[in-house]
Amino acid sequence: MKVVVIGLGSMGKRRIRLLKKYNSEIIIYGIDSNESRKKEVADLYDVKGCENIEDAVKKGVSCAFVSASPLAHAKIIQSCLKNNLHV
């Protein structure tokens, strides 16, 4: 299964650790506007980076975990649903 974690701050990292703990076969992609967070998560957890939700969909992602700031949730979720992702 391929999933994307949107927002790679403390909550995003926690989601990634839990996903990897309970399913070692899952492929995780990450989206964040902060390039240093994307690089950190790639190095720590072997998470592949995506530029945006559309890029993640092209890579076969079927599910999104929204871990960004709560103020951004509505816009992110609308974009995920528009792209047929489970949220």
PDB file of N, CA and C in Angstrom:
ATOM      1  N   MET A   1       0.844  -1.167   0.000  1.00  0.00           N
ATOM      2  CA  MET A   1       0.000   0.000   0.000  1.00  0.00           C
ATOM      3  C   MET A   1       0.891   1.231   0.000  1.00  0.00           C
ATOM      4  N   LYS A   2       0.504   2.239  -0.754  1.00  0.00           N
ATOM      5  CA  LYS A   2       1.223   3.503  -0.806  1.00  0.00           C
ATOM      6  C   LYS A   2       0.369   4.587  -0.166  1.00  0.00           C
ATOM      7  N   VAL A   3       0.979   5.328   0.765  1.00  0.00           N
ATOM      8  CA  VAL A   3       0.275   6.404   1.450  1.00  0.00           C
ATOM      9  C   VAL A   3       1.142   7.663   1.417  1.00  0.00           C
ATOM     10  N   VAL A   4       0.521   8.791   1.681  1.00  0.00           N
ATOM     11  CA  VAL A   4       1.260  10.046   1.787  1.00  0.00           C
ATOM     12  C   VAL A   4       0.944  10.687   3.132  1.00  0.00           C
ATOM     13  N   VAL A   5       1.981  11.191   3.778  1.00  0.00           N
ATOM     14  CA  VAL A   5       1.822  11.973   5.005  1.00  0.00           C
ATOM     15  C   VAL A   5       2.052  13.423   4.614  1.00  0.00           C
ATOM     16  N   ILE A   6       1.048  14.247   4.854  1.00  0.00           N
ATOM     17  CA  ILE A   6       1.116  15.659   4.477  1.00  0.00           C
ATOM     18  C   ILE A   6       1.385  16.464   5.744  1.00  0.00           C
ATOM     19  N   GLY A   7       2.544  17.076   5.783  1.00  0.00           N
ATOM     20  CA  GLY A   7       3.015  17.782   6.975  1.00  0.00           C
ATOM     21  C   GLY A   7       4.010  16.886   7.702  1.00  0.00           C
ATOM     22  N   LEU A   8       5.273  17.269   7.692  1.00  0.00           N
ATOM     23  CA  LEU A   8       6.320  16.404   8.223  1.00  0.00           C
ATOM     24  C   LEU A   8       6.969  16.971   9.485  1.00  0.00           C
ATOM     25  N   GLY A   9       6.195  17.720  10.240  1.00  0.00           N
ATOM     26  CA  GLY A   9       6.663  18.194  11.536  1.00  0.00           C
ATOM     27  C   GLY A   9       6.545  17.075  12.563  1.00  0.00           C
ATOM     28  N   SER A  10       6.395  17.425  13.812  1.00  0.00           N
ATOM     29  CA  SER A  10       6.365  16.412  14.876  1.00  0.00           C
ATOM     30  C   SER A  10       5.221  15.419  14.705  1.00  0.00           C
ATOM     31  N   MET A  11       4.040  15.890  14.332  1.00  0.00           N
ATOM     32  CA  MET A  11       2.904  14.978  14.140  1.00  0.00           C
ATOM     33  C   MET A  11       3.125  14.066  12.935  1.00  0.00           C
ATOM     34  N   GLY A  12       3.643  14.610  11.858  1.00  0.00           N
ATOM     35  CA  GLY A  12       3.909  13.805  10.676  1.00  0.00           C
ATOM     36  C   GLY A  12       4.932  12.715  10.964  1.00  0.00           C
ATOM     37  N   LYS A  13       5.985  13.068  11.686  1.00  0.00           N
ATOM     38  CA  LYS A  13       7.010  12.083  12.045  1.00  0.00           C
ATOM     39  C   LYS A  13       6.422  10.991  12.930  1.00  0.00           C
ATOM     40  N   ARG A  14       5.556  11.365  13.847  1.00  0.00           N
ATOM     41  CA  ARG A  14       4.908  10.375  14.713  1.00  0.00           C
ATOM     42  C   ARG A  14       4.054   9.425  13.886  1.00  0.00           C
ATOM     43  N   ARG A  15       3.302   9.965  12.924  1.00  0.00           N
ATOM     44  CA  ARG A  15       2.475   9.109  12.045  1.00  0.00           C
ATOM     45  C   ARG A  15       3.355   8.125  11.269  1.00  0.00           C
ATOM     46  N   ILE A  16       4.475   8.630  10.753  1.00  0.00           N
ATOM     47  CA  ILE A  16       5.375   7.778   9.977  1.00  0.00           C
ATOM     48  C   ILE A  16       5.923   6.649  10.847  1.00  0.00           C
ATOM     49  N   ARG A  17       6.361   6.977  12.047  1.00  0.00           N
ATOM     50  CA  ARG A  17       6.889   5.936  12.946  1.00  0.00           C
ATOM     51  C   ARG A  17       5.832   4.875  13.232  1.00  0.00           C
ATOM     52  N   LEU A  18       4.602   5.293  13.494  1.00  0.00           N
ATOM     53  CA  LEU A  18       3.531   4.343  13.781  1.00  0.00           C
ATOM     54  C   LEU A  18       3.183   3.497  12.555  1.00  0.00           C
ATOM     55  N   LEU A  19       3.114   4.115  11.399  1.00  0.00           N
ATOM     56  CA  LEU A  19       2.818   3.363  10.182  1.00  0.00           C
ATOM     57  C   LEU A  19       3.879   2.303   9.936  1.00  0.00           C
ATOM     58  N   LYS A  20       5.140   2.662  10.092  1.00  0.00           N
ATOM     59  CA  LYS A  20       6.231   1.710   9.878  1.00  0.00           C
ATOM     60  C   LYS A  20       6.247   0.617  10.945  1.00  0.00           C
ATOM     61  N   LYS A  21       5.864   0.973  12.174  1.00  0.00           N
ATOM     62  CA  LYS A  21       5.850   0.002  13.264  1.00  0.00           C
ATOM     63  C   LYS A  21       4.822  -1.102  13.015  1.00  0.00           C
ATOM     64  N   TYR A  22       3.664  -0.731  12.504  1.00  0.00           N
ATOM     65  CA  TYR A  22       2.580  -1.692  12.363  1.00  0.00           C
ATOM     66  C   TYR A  22       2.448  -2.299  10.969  1.00  0.00           C
ATOM     67  N   ASN A  23       3.190  -1.773   9.986  1.00  0.00           N
ATOM     68  CA  ASN A  23       3.133  -2.340   8.638  1.00  0.00           C
ATOM     69  C   ASN A  23       4.456  -2.055   7.934  1.00  0.00           C
ATOM     70  N   SER A  24       5.347  -3.021   7.973  1.00  0.00           N
ATOM     71  CA  SER A  24       6.681  -2.833   7.397  1.00  0.00           C
ATOM     72  C   SER A  24       6.673  -2.806   5.865  1.00  0.00           C
ATOM     73  N   GLU A  25       5.576  -3.221   5.256  1.00  0.00           N
ATOM     74  CA  GLU A  25       5.508  -3.269   3.793  1.00  0.00           C
ATOM     75  C   GLU A  25       4.921  -2.000   3.178  1.00  0.00           C
ATOM     76  N   ILE A  26       4.473  -1.070   3.986  1.00  0.00           N
ATOM     77  CA  ILE A  26       3.852   0.145   3.491  1.00  0.00           C
ATOM     78  C   ILE A  26       4.909   1.048   2.851  1.00  0.00           C
ATOM     79  N   ILE A  27       4.542   1.706   1.767  1.00  0.00           N
ATOM     80  CA  ILE A  27       5.420   2.676   1.111  1.00  0.00           C
ATOM     81  C   ILE A  27       4.875   4.055   1.446  1.00  0.00           C
ATOM     82  N   ILE A  28       5.713   4.875   2.060  1.00  0.00           N
ATOM     83  CA  ILE A  28       5.273   6.187   2.536  1.00  0.00           C
ATOM     84  C   ILE A  28       5.948   7.292   1.735  1.00  0.00           C
ATOM     85  N   TYR A  29       5.134   8.236   1.296  1.00  0.00           N
ATOM     86  CA  TYR A  29       5.606   9.458   0.652  1.00  0.00           C
ATOM     87  C   TYR A  29       5.310  10.611   1.599  1.00  0.00           C
ATOM     88  N   GLY A  30       6.039  11.681   1.469  1.00  0.00           N
ATOM     89  CA  GLY A  30       5.831  12.828   2.335  1.00  0.00           C
ATOM     90  C   GLY A  30       5.737  14.125   1.558  1.00  0.00           C
ATOM     91  N   ILE A  31       4.878  15.021   2.039  1.00  0.00           N
ATOM     92  CA  ILE A  31       4.733  16.350   1.452  1.00  0.00           C
ATOM     93  C   ILE A  31       4.915  17.374   2.560  1.00  0.00           C
ATOM     94  N   ASP A  32       5.757  18.359   2.300  1.00  0.00           N
ATOM     95  CA  ASP A  32       5.934  19.470   3.230  1.00  0.00           C
ATOM     96  C   ASP A  32       6.529  20.637   2.454  1.00  0.00           C
ATOM     97  N   SER A  33       6.131  21.847   2.792  1.00  0.00           N
ATOM     98  CA  SER A  33       6.671  23.027   2.112  1.00  0.00           C
ATOM     99  C   SER A  33       8.097  23.326   2.557  1.00  0.00           C
ATOM    100  N   ASN A  34       8.511  22.749   3.676  1.00  0.00           N
ATOM    101  CA  ASN A  34       9.854  22.962   4.220  1.00  0.00           C
ATOM    102  C   ASN A  34      10.779  21.856   3.711  1.00  0.00           C
ATOM    103  N   GLU A  35      11.700  22.214   2.829  1.00  0.00           N
ATOM    104  CA  GLU A  35      12.598  21.235   2.210  1.00  0.00           C
ATOM    105  C   GLU A  35      13.479  20.525   3.228  1.00  0.00           C
ATOM    106  N   SER A  36      13.899  21.220   4.284  1.00  0.00           N
ATOM    107  CA  SER A  36      14.767  20.577   5.278  1.00  0.00           C
ATOM    108  C   SER A  36      14.021  19.482   6.039  1.00  0.00           C
ATOM    109  N   ARG A  37      12.716  19.669   6.277  1.00  0.00           N
ATOM    110  CA  ARG A  37      11.929  18.604   6.924  1.00  0.00           C
ATOM    111  C   ARG A  37      11.785  17.401   6.011  1.00  0.00           C
ATOM    112  N   LYS A  38      11.571  17.651   4.704  1.00  0.00           N
ATOM    113  CA  LYS A  38      11.473  16.531   3.758  1.00  0.00           C
ATOM    114  C   LYS A  38      12.779  15.739   3.734  1.00  0.00           C
ATOM    115  N   LYS A  39      13.904  16.437   3.733  1.00  0.00           N
ATOM    116  CA  LYS A  39      15.199  15.754   3.712  1.00  0.00           C
ATOM    117  C   LYS A  39      15.433  14.980   5.008  1.00  0.00           C
ATOM    118  N   GLU A  40      15.078  15.593   6.139  1.00  0.00           N
ATOM    119  CA  GLU A  40      15.248  14.924   7.434  1.00  0.00           C
ATOM    120  C   GLU A  40      14.439  13.628   7.491  1.00  0.00           C
ATOM    121  N   VAL A  41      13.190  13.683   7.072  1.00  0.00           N
ATOM    122  CA  VAL A  41      12.316  12.507   7.104  1.00  0.00           C
ATOM    123  C   VAL A  41      12.801  11.445   6.108  1.00  0.00           C
ATOM    124  N   ALA A  42      13.298  11.885   4.969  1.00  0.00           N
ATOM    125  CA  ALA A  42      13.845  10.938   3.989  1.00  0.00           C
ATOM    126  C   ALA A  42      15.039  10.203   4.584  1.00  0.00           C
ATOM    127  N   ASP A  43      15.909  10.939   5.265  1.00  0.00           N
ATOM    128  CA  ASP A  43      17.105  10.336   5.862  1.00  0.00           C
ATOM    129  C   ASP A  43      16.770   9.432   7.050  1.00  0.00           C
ATOM    130  N   LEU A  44      15.865   9.881   7.904  1.00  0.00           N
ATOM    131  CA  LEU A  44      15.528   9.127   9.114  1.00  0.00           C
ATOM    132  C   LEU A  44      14.653   7.902   8.856  1.00  0.00           C
ATOM    133  N   TYR A  45      13.672   8.055   7.971  1.00  0.00           N
ATOM    134  CA  TYR A  45      12.642   7.026   7.842  1.00  0.00           C
ATOM    135  C   TYR A  45      12.515   6.438   6.432  1.00  0.00           C
ATOM    136  N   ASP A  46      13.404   6.813   5.526  1.00  0.00           N
ATOM    137  CA  ASP A  46      13.359   6.327   4.156  1.00  0.00           C
ATOM    138  C   ASP A  46      12.012   6.638   3.495  1.00  0.00           C
ATOM    139  N   VAL A  47      11.561   7.872   3.682  1.00  0.00           N
ATOM    140  CA  VAL A  47      10.304   8.345   3.095  1.00  0.00           C
ATOM    141  C   VAL A  47      10.634   9.137   1.836  1.00  0.00           C
ATOM    142  N   LYS A  48       9.943   8.823   0.752  1.00  0.00           N
ATOM    143  CA  LYS A  48      10.158   9.518  -0.509  1.00  0.00           C
ATOM    144  C   LYS A  48       9.369  10.823  -0.516  1.00  0.00           C
ATOM    145  N   GLY A  49       9.938  11.871  -1.052  1.00  0.00           N
ATOM    146  CA  GLY A  49       9.268  13.162  -1.084  1.00  0.00           C
ATOM    147  C   GLY A  49       8.410  13.347  -2.318  1.00  0.00           C
ATOM    148  N   CYS A  50       7.348  14.122  -2.152  1.00  0.00           N
ATOM    149  CA  CYS A  50       6.481  14.536  -3.255  1.00  0.00           C
ATOM    150  C   CYS A  50       6.347  16.054  -3.200  1.00  0.00           C
ATOM    151  N   GLU A  51       6.134  16.645  -4.349  1.00  0.00           N
ATOM    152  CA  GLU A  51       5.979  18.095  -4.401  1.00  0.00           C
ATOM    153  C   GLU A  51       4.579  18.538  -3.974  1.00  0.00           C
ATOM    154  N   ASN A  52       3.573  17.734  -4.319  1.00  0.00           N
ATOM    155  CA  ASN A  52       2.188  18.097  -4.021  1.00  0.00           C
ATOM    156  C   ASN A  52       1.313  16.844  -4.082  1.00  0.00           C
ATOM    157  N   ILE A  53       0.037  17.015  -3.841  1.00  0.00           N
ATOM    158  CA  ILE A  53      -0.896  15.883  -3.815  1.00  0.00           C
ATOM    159  C   ILE A  53      -1.014  15.228  -5.190  1.00  0.00           C
ATOM    160  N   GLU A  54      -1.037  16.032  -6.236  1.00  0.00           N
ATOM    161  CA  GLU A  54      -1.145  15.476  -7.583  1.00  0.00           C
ATOM    162  C   GLU A  54       0.070  14.592  -7.900  1.00  0.00           C
ATOM    163  N   ASP A  55       1.248  15.009  -7.461  1.00  0.00           N
ATOM    164  CA  ASP A  55       2.466  14.220  -7.648  1.00  0.00           C
ATOM    165  C   ASP A  55       2.351  12.886  -6.909  1.00  0.00           C
ATOM    166  N   ALA A  56       1.809  12.900  -5.703  1.00  0.00           N
ATOM    167  CA  ALA A  56       1.627  11.672  -4.925  1.00  0.00           C
ATOM    168  C   ALA A  56       0.655  10.722  -5.624  1.00  0.00           C
ATOM    169  N   VAL A  57      -0.417  11.266  -6.181  1.00  0.00           N
ATOM    170  CA  VAL A  57      -1.411  10.445  -6.892  1.00  0.00           C
ATOM    171  C   VAL A  57      -0.763   9.770  -8.096  1.00  0.00           C
ATOM    172  N   LYS A  58       0.095  10.488  -8.807  1.00  0.00           N
ATOM    173  CA  LYS A  58       0.791   9.914  -9.967  1.00  0.00           C
ATOM    174  C   LYS A  58       1.678   8.741  -9.558  1.00  0.00           C
ATOM    175  N   LYS A  59       2.119   8.730  -8.300  1.00  0.00           N
ATOM    176  CA  LYS A  59       2.982   7.657  -7.813  1.00  0.00           C
ATOM    177  C   LYS A  59       2.184   6.485  -7.246  1.00  0.00           C
ATOM    178  N   GLY A  60       0.854   6.566  -7.323  1.00  0.00           N
ATOM    179  CA  GLY A  60       0.016   5.444  -6.919  1.00  0.00           C
ATOM    180  C   GLY A  60      -0.463   5.477  -5.476  1.00  0.00           C
ATOM    181  N   VAL A  61      -0.360   6.628  -4.828  1.00  0.00           N
ATOM    182  CA  VAL A  61      -0.831   6.761  -3.447  1.00  0.00           C
ATOM    183  C   VAL A  61      -2.351   6.670  -3.421  1.00  0.00           C
ATOM    184  N   SER A  62      -2.885   5.961  -2.417  1.00  0.00           N
ATOM    185  CA  SER A  62      -4.340   5.815  -2.319  1.00  0.00           C
ATOM    186  C   SER A  62      -4.918   6.406  -1.036  1.00  0.00           C
ATOM    187  N   CYS A  63      -4.048   6.815  -0.109  1.00  0.00           N
ATOM    188  CA  CYS A  63      -4.505   7.270   1.197  1.00  0.00           C
ATOM    189  C   CYS A  63      -3.615   8.413   1.678  1.00  0.00           C
ATOM    190  N   ALA A  64      -4.208   9.407   2.348  1.00  0.00           N
ATOM    191  CA  ALA A  64      -3.451  10.537   2.868  1.00  0.00           C
ATOM    192  C   ALA A  64      -3.682  10.700   4.368  1.00  0.00           C
ATOM    193  N   PHE A  65      -2.598  10.960   5.081  1.00  0.00           N
ATOM    194  CA  PHE A  65      -2.654  11.304   6.496  1.00  0.00           C
ATOM    195  C   PHE A  65      -2.305  12.783   6.606  1.00  0.00           C
ATOM    196  N   VAL A  66      -3.244  13.585   7.069  1.00  0.00           N
ATOM    197  CA  VAL A  66      -3.029  15.024   7.154  1.00  0.00           C
ATOM    198  C   VAL A  66      -2.466  15.357   8.528  1.00  0.00           C
ATOM    199  N   SER A  67      -1.217  15.805   8.528  1.00  0.00           N
ATOM    200  CA  SER A  67      -0.529  16.131   9.776  1.00  0.00           C
ATOM    201  C   SER A  67      -0.016  17.571   9.757  1.00  0.00           C
ATOM    202  N   ALA A  68      -0.573  18.357   8.896  1.00  0.00           N
ATOM    203  CA  ALA A  68      -0.196  19.765   8.783  1.00  0.00           C
ATOM    204  C   ALA A  68      -0.928  20.576   9.857  1.00  0.00           C
ATOM    205  N   SER A  69      -0.686  21.865   9.869  1.00  0.00           N
ATOM    206  CA  SER A  69      -1.370  22.759  10.796  1.00  0.00           C
ATOM    207  C   SER A  69      -2.887  22.637  10.634  1.00  0.00           C
ATOM    208  N   PRO A  70      -3.629  22.605  11.733  1.00  0.00           N
ATOM    209  CA  PRO A  70      -5.086  22.498  11.633  1.00  0.00           C
ATOM    210  C   PRO A  70      -5.726  23.585  10.761  1.00  0.00           C
ATOM    211  N   LEU A  71      -5.118  24.749  10.689  1.00  0.00           N
ATOM    212  CA  LEU A  71      -5.670  25.823   9.858  1.00  0.00           C
ATOM    213  C   LEU A  71      -5.627  25.471   8.370  1.00  0.00           C
ATOM    214  N   ALA A  72      -4.768  24.555   7.992  1.00  0.00           N
ATOM    215  CA  ALA A  72      -4.634  24.156   6.588  1.00  0.00           C
ATOM    216  C   ALA A  72      -5.433  22.900   6.246  1.00  0.00           C
ATOM    217  N   HIS A  73      -6.036  22.262   7.230  1.00  0.00           N
ATOM    218  CA  HIS A  73      -6.714  20.979   7.005  1.00  0.00           C
ATOM    219  C   HIS A  73      -7.791  21.039   5.929  1.00  0.00           C
ATOM    220  N   ALA A  74      -8.659  22.024   5.970  1.00  0.00           N
ATOM    221  CA  ALA A  74      -9.785  22.069   5.036  1.00  0.00           C
ATOM    222  C   ALA A  74      -9.306  22.086   3.595  1.00  0.00           C
ATOM    223  N   LYS A  75      -8.371  22.942   3.281  1.00  0.00           N
ATOM    224  CA  LYS A  75      -7.866  23.050   1.912  1.00  0.00           C
ATOM    225  C   LYS A  75      -7.171  21.754   1.475  1.00  0.00           C
ATOM    226  N   ILE A  76      -6.381  21.177   2.362  1.00  0.00           N
ATOM    227  CA  ILE A  76      -5.662  19.943   2.039  1.00  0.00           C
ATOM    228  C   ILE A  76      -6.641  18.789   1.829  1.00  0.00           C
ATOM    229  N   ILE A  77      -7.600  18.665   2.714  1.00  0.00           N
ATOM    230  CA  ILE A  77      -8.578  17.580   2.608  1.00  0.00           C
ATOM    231  C   ILE A  77      -9.409  17.718   1.335  1.00  0.00           C
ATOM    232  N   GLN A  78      -9.815  18.933   0.991  1.00  0.00           N
ATOM    233  CA  GLN A  78     -10.562  19.143  -0.251  1.00  0.00           C
ATOM    234  C   GLN A  78      -9.742  18.685  -1.458  1.00  0.00           C
ATOM    235  N   SER A  79      -8.458  19.004  -1.464  1.00  0.00           N
ATOM    236  CA  SER A  79      -7.593  18.597  -2.565  1.00  0.00           C
ATOM    237  C   SER A  79      -7.430  17.069  -2.599  1.00  0.00           C
ATOM    238  N   CYS A  80      -7.304  16.463  -1.435  1.00  0.00           N
ATOM    239  CA  CYS A  80      -7.200  14.998  -1.376  1.00  0.00           C
ATOM    240  C   CYS A  80      -8.471  14.342  -1.923  1.00  0.00           C
ATOM    241  N   LEU A  81      -9.615  14.815  -1.504  1.00  0.00           N
ATOM    242  CA  LEU A  81     -10.878  14.236  -1.956  1.00  0.00           C
ATOM    243  C   LEU A  81     -11.072  14.448  -3.446  1.00  0.00           C
ATOM    244  N   LYS A  82     -10.682  15.619  -3.926  1.00  0.00           N
ATOM    245  CA  LYS A  82     -10.774  15.918  -5.363  1.00  0.00           C
ATOM    246  C   LYS A  82      -9.915  14.933  -6.169  1.00  0.00           C
ATOM    247  N   ASN A  83      -8.844  14.454  -5.569  1.00  0.00           N
ATOM    248  CA  ASN A  83      -7.959  13.505  -6.230  1.00  0.00           C
ATOM    249  C   ASN A  83      -8.246  12.055  -5.838  1.00  0.00           C
ATOM    250  N   ASN A  84      -9.431  11.822  -5.271  1.00  0.00           N
ATOM    251  CA  ASN A  84      -9.907  10.468  -4.927  1.00  0.00           C
ATOM    252  C   ASN A  84      -9.032   9.740  -3.917  1.00  0.00           C
ATOM    253  N   LEU A  85      -8.467  10.458  -2.976  1.00  0.00           N
ATOM    254  CA  LEU A  85      -7.687   9.829  -1.918  1.00  0.00           C
ATOM    255  C   LEU A  85      -8.547   9.605  -0.694  1.00  0.00           C
ATOM    256  N   HIS A  86      -8.307   8.517  -0.003  1.00  0.00           N
ATOM    257  CA  HIS A  86      -8.908   8.310   1.296  1.00  0.00           C
ATOM    258  C   HIS A  86      -8.159   9.210   2.274  1.00  0.00           C
ATOM    259  N   VAL A  87      -8.869   9.845   3.166  1.00  0.00           N
ATOM    260  CA  VAL A  87      -8.239  10.791   4.103  1.00  0.00           C
ATOM    261  C   VAL A  87      -8.481  10.314   5.523  1.00  0.00           C
TER     262      VAL A  87
END
